Amino acid sequence: MEHIKISVNIADRPYRLKIEKKEEEGVRMATKSIEKRIKEYSENFAYQDKQDLLAMVALHFAANSQRLEIKEAYKDNELEKKLNEIDTILSENL
């Protein structure tokens, strides 16, 4: 695994990271997404400092993550039900 050092800026602060080379694109995309969301919140909501914006962005991404986890669990549950139905039908007919 090849590690590289990169710098990213979040809320006007530079951060040096040591990551695997294959993660670079994802980290840079995530940084852009955070910066975009900070800009949107700064234009649409009152805030006292960047900490407020970062908290709102963190909440946004955490809520999205929770929603996706719930959706994934539902899909897994539905798939398991269908597979059990198929197993029951096959067992009855063999």
N, C-alpha and C. Protein backbone atom coordinates (compact mmCIF):
# COMPACT_ATOMS: atom_id res chain seq x y z
N MET A 1 0.84 -1.18 0.00
CA MET A 1 0.00 0.00 0.00
C MET A 1 0.88 1.24 0.00
N GLU A 2 0.66 2.06 -0.99
CA GLU A 2 1.43 3.29 -1.11
C GLU A 2 0.70 4.43 -0.40
N HIS A 3 1.38 5.06 0.55
CA HIS A 3 0.81 6.20 1.26
C HIS A 3 1.37 7.49 0.68
N ILE A 4 0.53 8.50 0.66
CA ILE A 4 0.95 9.82 0.19
C ILE A 4 0.49 10.86 1.20
N LYS A 5 1.12 12.02 1.15
CA LYS A 5 0.70 13.14 1.99
C LYS A 5 0.02 14.16 1.09
N ILE A 6 -1.15 14.61 1.53
CA ILE A 6 -1.87 15.64 0.78
C ILE A 6 -2.31 16.73 1.74
N SER A 7 -2.62 17.87 1.19
CA SER A 7 -3.19 18.98 1.97
C SER A 7 -4.58 19.26 1.43
N VAL A 8 -5.51 19.46 2.35
CA VAL A 8 -6.86 19.87 1.98
C VAL A 8 -7.22 21.08 2.83
N ASN A 9 -8.08 21.93 2.31
CA ASN A 9 -8.58 23.09 3.05
C ASN A 9 -10.05 22.89 3.34
N ILE A 10 -10.37 23.02 4.62
CA ILE A 10 -11.76 22.93 5.05
C ILE A 10 -12.03 24.13 5.95
N ALA A 11 -13.01 24.92 5.59
CA ALA A 11 -13.39 26.12 6.34
C ALA A 11 -12.17 27.04 6.53
N ASP A 12 -11.45 27.24 5.45
CA ASP A 12 -10.29 28.13 5.42
C ASP A 12 -9.13 27.68 6.32
N ARG A 13 -9.09 26.39 6.64
CA ARG A 13 -7.97 25.86 7.42
C ARG A 13 -7.34 24.71 6.65
N PRO A 14 -6.01 24.72 6.57
CA PRO A 14 -5.33 23.62 5.88
C PRO A 14 -5.16 22.41 6.80
N TYR A 15 -5.32 21.25 6.23
CA TYR A 15 -5.11 20.00 6.96
C TYR A 15 -4.19 19.11 6.14
N ARG A 16 -3.12 18.62 6.76
CA ARG A 16 -2.21 17.69 6.11
C ARG A 16 -2.66 16.28 6.49
N LEU A 17 -2.79 15.45 5.49
CA LEU A 17 -3.24 14.07 5.71
C LEU A 17 -2.26 13.09 5.10
N LYS A 18 -2.11 11.96 5.73
CA LYS A 18 -1.36 10.85 5.15
C LYS A 18 -2.38 9.76 4.86
N ILE A 19 -2.56 9.47 3.58
CA ILE A 19 -3.60 8.53 3.16
C ILE A 19 -3.02 7.55 2.14
N GLU A 20 -3.77 6.50 1.88
CA GLU A 20 -3.39 5.60 0.81
C GLU A 20 -3.66 6.29 -0.52
N LYS A 21 -2.79 6.05 -1.49
CA LYS A 21 -2.90 6.67 -2.80
C LYS A 21 -4.30 6.46 -3.40
N LYS A 22 -4.84 5.25 -3.24
CA LYS A 22 -6.15 4.94 -3.84
C LYS A 22 -7.30 5.73 -3.19
N GLU A 23 -7.07 6.33 -2.02
CA GLU A 23 -8.11 7.10 -1.34
C GLU A 23 -8.11 8.57 -1.72
N GLU A 24 -7.10 9.01 -2.45
CA GLU A 24 -6.95 10.44 -2.72
C GLU A 24 -8.17 11.05 -3.40
N GLU A 25 -8.65 10.43 -4.44
CA GLU A 25 -9.79 11.00 -5.18
C GLU A 25 -11.00 11.14 -4.26
N GLY A 26 -11.28 10.13 -3.47
CA GLY A 26 -12.42 10.18 -2.56
C GLY A 26 -12.28 11.26 -1.51
N VAL A 27 -11.07 11.43 -0.97
CA VAL A 27 -10.84 12.47 0.04
C VAL A 27 -11.01 13.85 -0.58
N ARG A 28 -10.49 14.02 -1.78
CA ARG A 28 -10.62 15.33 -2.44
C ARG A 28 -12.09 15.62 -2.79
N MET A 29 -12.82 14.61 -3.22
CA MET A 29 -14.24 14.79 -3.52
C MET A 29 -15.01 15.13 -2.25
N ALA A 30 -14.68 14.46 -1.15
CA ALA A 30 -15.34 14.74 0.13
C ALA A 30 -15.06 16.17 0.58
N THR A 31 -13.81 16.60 0.40
CA THR A 31 -13.44 17.97 0.76
C THR A 31 -14.25 18.98 -0.05
N LYS A 32 -14.39 18.74 -1.34
CA LYS A 32 -15.19 19.64 -2.19
C LYS A 32 -16.64 19.66 -1.74
N SER A 33 -17.16 18.50 -1.38
CA SER A 33 -18.54 18.41 -0.94
C SER A 33 -18.75 19.18 0.36
N ILE A 34 -17.81 19.07 1.28
CA ILE A 34 -17.89 19.81 2.54
C ILE A 34 -17.84 21.31 2.27
N GLU A 35 -16.89 21.72 1.45
CA GLU A 35 -16.75 23.14 1.14
C GLU A 35 -18.01 23.69 0.45
N LYS A 36 -18.58 22.91 -0.45
CA LYS A 36 -19.81 23.34 -1.13
C LYS A 36 -20.94 23.52 -0.13
N ARG A 37 -21.08 22.58 0.79
CA ARG A 37 -22.15 22.64 1.79
C ARG A 37 -21.92 23.82 2.74
N ILE A 38 -20.66 24.07 3.12
CA ILE A 38 -20.35 25.22 3.98
C ILE A 38 -20.77 26.51 3.28
N LYS A 39 -20.45 26.62 2.00
CA LYS A 39 -20.81 27.82 1.24
C LYS A 39 -22.32 27.99 1.20
N GLU A 40 -23.06 26.90 0.94
CA GLU A 40 -24.52 26.98 0.89
C GLU A 40 -25.09 27.44 2.23
N TYR A 41 -24.61 26.84 3.32
CA TYR A 41 -25.12 27.22 4.64
C TYR A 41 -24.75 28.66 4.99
N SER A 42 -23.55 29.09 4.61
CA SER A 42 -23.14 30.46 4.94
C SER A 42 -23.98 31.49 4.19
N GLU A 43 -24.46 31.13 3.00
CA GLU A 43 -25.28 32.04 2.21
C GLU A 43 -26.74 32.05 2.64
N ASN A 44 -27.19 30.97 3.28
CA ASN A 44 -28.61 30.84 3.59
C ASN A 44 -28.99 30.90 5.06
N PHE A 45 -28.01 30.83 5.95
CA PHE A 45 -28.32 30.81 7.38
C PHE A 45 -27.43 31.79 8.13
N ALA A 46 -27.96 32.29 9.23
CA ALA A 46 -27.16 33.16 10.10
C ALA A 46 -26.20 32.28 10.90
N TYR A 47 -24.99 32.75 11.06
CA TYR A 47 -24.01 32.01 11.85
C TYR A 47 -23.05 33.00 12.49
N GLN A 48 -22.44 32.56 13.59
CA GLN A 48 -21.50 33.44 14.28
C GLN A 48 -20.06 33.19 13.84
N ASP A 49 -19.75 31.93 13.60
CA ASP A 49 -18.40 31.62 13.14
C ASP A 49 -18.40 30.32 12.35
N LYS A 50 -17.25 29.95 11.85
CA LYS A 50 -17.13 28.74 11.02
C LYS A 50 -17.53 27.48 11.79
N GLN A 51 -17.36 27.51 13.11
CA GLN A 51 -17.74 26.36 13.93
C GLN A 51 -19.23 26.03 13.75
N ASP A 52 -20.06 27.06 13.68
CA ASP A 52 -21.50 26.85 13.46
C ASP A 52 -21.73 26.16 12.12
N LEU A 53 -21.04 26.64 11.10
CA LEU A 53 -21.20 26.05 9.76
C LEU A 53 -20.72 24.60 9.74
N LEU A 54 -19.58 24.35 10.37
CA LEU A 54 -19.06 22.97 10.42
C LEU A 54 -20.01 22.03 11.16
N ALA A 55 -20.64 22.54 12.23
CA ALA A 55 -21.60 21.72 12.97
C ALA A 55 -22.81 21.38 12.09
N MET A 56 -23.30 22.36 11.35
CA MET A 56 -24.45 22.11 10.47
C MET A 56 -24.08 21.14 9.35
N VAL A 57 -22.89 21.27 8.81
CA VAL A 57 -22.44 20.36 7.75
C VAL A 57 -22.27 18.94 8.31
N ALA A 58 -21.69 18.84 9.51
CA ALA A 58 -21.53 17.52 10.14
C ALA A 58 -22.90 16.87 10.36
N LEU A 59 -23.87 17.65 10.82
CA LEU A 59 -25.21 17.12 11.03
C LEU A 59 -25.83 16.67 9.71
N HIS A 60 -25.64 17.47 8.67
CA HIS A 60 -26.15 17.11 7.34
C HIS A 60 -25.62 15.75 6.89
N PHE A 61 -24.30 15.58 6.96
CA PHE A 61 -23.70 14.33 6.49
C PHE A 61 -24.04 13.16 7.41
N ALA A 62 -24.13 13.40 8.71
CA ALA A 62 -24.49 12.33 9.64
C ALA A 62 -25.94 11.87 9.40
N ALA A 63 -26.83 12.83 9.15
CA ALA A 63 -28.23 12.48 8.87
C ALA A 63 -28.34 11.69 7.57
N ASN A 64 -27.59 12.10 6.55
CA ASN A 64 -27.59 11.34 5.29
C ASN A 64 -27.06 9.94 5.49
N SER A 65 -26.03 9.81 6.28
CA SER A 65 -25.45 8.49 6.55
C SER A 65 -26.46 7.60 7.27
N GLN A 66 -27.15 8.16 8.26
CA GLN A 66 -28.18 7.39 8.99
C GLN A 66 -29.29 6.96 8.05
N ARG A 67 -29.73 7.87 7.19
CA ARG A 67 -30.81 7.55 6.26
C ARG A 67 -30.39 6.40 5.34
N LEU A 68 -29.15 6.44 4.85
CA LEU A 68 -28.67 5.38 3.98
C LEU A 68 -28.54 4.05 4.72
N GLU A 69 -28.10 4.10 5.97
CA GLU A 69 -27.99 2.87 6.76
C GLU A 69 -29.36 2.24 6.99
N ILE A 70 -30.35 3.06 7.28
CA ILE A 70 -31.72 2.56 7.48
C ILE A 70 -32.24 1.96 6.18
N LYS A 71 -32.01 2.65 5.08
CA LYS A 71 -32.46 2.16 3.77
C LYS A 71 -31.78 0.83 3.43
N GLU A 72 -30.49 0.73 3.71
CA GLU A 72 -29.75 -0.50 3.43
C GLU A 72 -30.25 -1.65 4.30
N ALA A 73 -30.52 -1.38 5.58
CA ALA A 73 -31.04 -2.41 6.48
C ALA A 73 -32.40 -2.89 6.00
N TYR A 74 -33.24 -1.97 5.53
CA TYR A 74 -34.55 -2.34 5.01
C TYR A 74 -34.40 -3.25 3.79
N LYS A 75 -33.51 -2.87 2.88
CA LYS A 75 -33.28 -3.69 1.68
C LYS A 75 -32.78 -5.08 2.06
N ASP A 76 -31.85 -5.14 3.01
CA ASP A 76 -31.33 -6.43 3.46
C ASP A 76 -32.45 -7.29 4.06
N ASN A 77 -33.31 -6.67 4.84
CA ASN A 77 -34.42 -7.37 5.46
C ASN A 77 -35.39 -7.90 4.41
N GLU A 78 -35.71 -7.06 3.44
CA GLU A 78 -36.61 -7.48 2.36
C GLU A 78 -36.01 -8.62 1.54
N LEU A 79 -34.72 -8.52 1.25
CA LEU A 79 -34.05 -9.57 0.51
C LEU A 79 -34.07 -10.89 1.28
N GLU A 80 -33.83 -10.81 2.58
CA GLU A 80 -33.86 -12.02 3.39
C GLU A 80 -35.26 -12.65 3.38
N LYS A 81 -36.30 -11.83 3.46
CA LYS A 81 -37.67 -12.34 3.41
C LYS A 81 -37.93 -13.07 2.09
N LYS A 82 -37.52 -12.44 0.98
CA LYS A 82 -37.73 -13.04 -0.34
C LYS A 82 -36.97 -14.36 -0.46
N LEU A 83 -35.72 -14.37 0.01
CA LEU A 83 -34.94 -15.61 -0.07
C LEU A 83 -35.56 -16.71 0.78
N ASN A 84 -36.11 -16.37 1.93
CA ASN A 84 -36.79 -17.36 2.77
C ASN A 84 -38.03 -17.90 2.08
N GLU A 85 -38.77 -17.00 1.39
CA GLU A 85 -39.94 -17.45 0.63
C GLU A 85 -39.54 -18.42 -0.47
N ILE A 86 -38.49 -18.10 -1.19
CA ILE A 86 -37.99 -18.96 -2.27
C ILE A 86 -37.54 -20.30 -1.69
N ASP A 87 -36.84 -20.24 -0.56
CA ASP A 87 -36.37 -21.49 0.08
C ASP A 87 -37.55 -22.35 0.49
N THR A 88 -38.59 -21.74 1.04
CA THR A 88 -39.78 -22.48 1.46
C THR A 88 -40.45 -23.13 0.24
N ILE A 89 -40.61 -22.38 -0.83
CA ILE A 89 -41.24 -22.93 -2.05
C ILE A 89 -40.41 -24.08 -2.59
N LEU A 90 -39.09 -23.91 -2.65
CA LEU A 90 -38.23 -24.99 -3.16
C LEU A 90 -38.30 -26.23 -2.27
N SER A 91 -38.29 -26.01 -0.95
CA SER A 91 -38.34 -27.13 -0.02
C SER A 91 -39.64 -27.91 -0.13
N GLU A 92 -40.74 -27.19 -0.34
CA GLU A 92 -42.04 -27.83 -0.46
C GLU A 92 -42.17 -28.62 -1.76
N ASN A 93 -41.48 -28.19 -2.79
CA ASN A 93 -41.63 -28.81 -4.11
C ASN A 93 -40.53 -29.81 -4.47
N LEU A 94 -39.62 -30.03 -3.59
CA LEU A 94 -38.56 -31.02 -3.87
C LEU A 94 -38.78 -32.31 -3.16
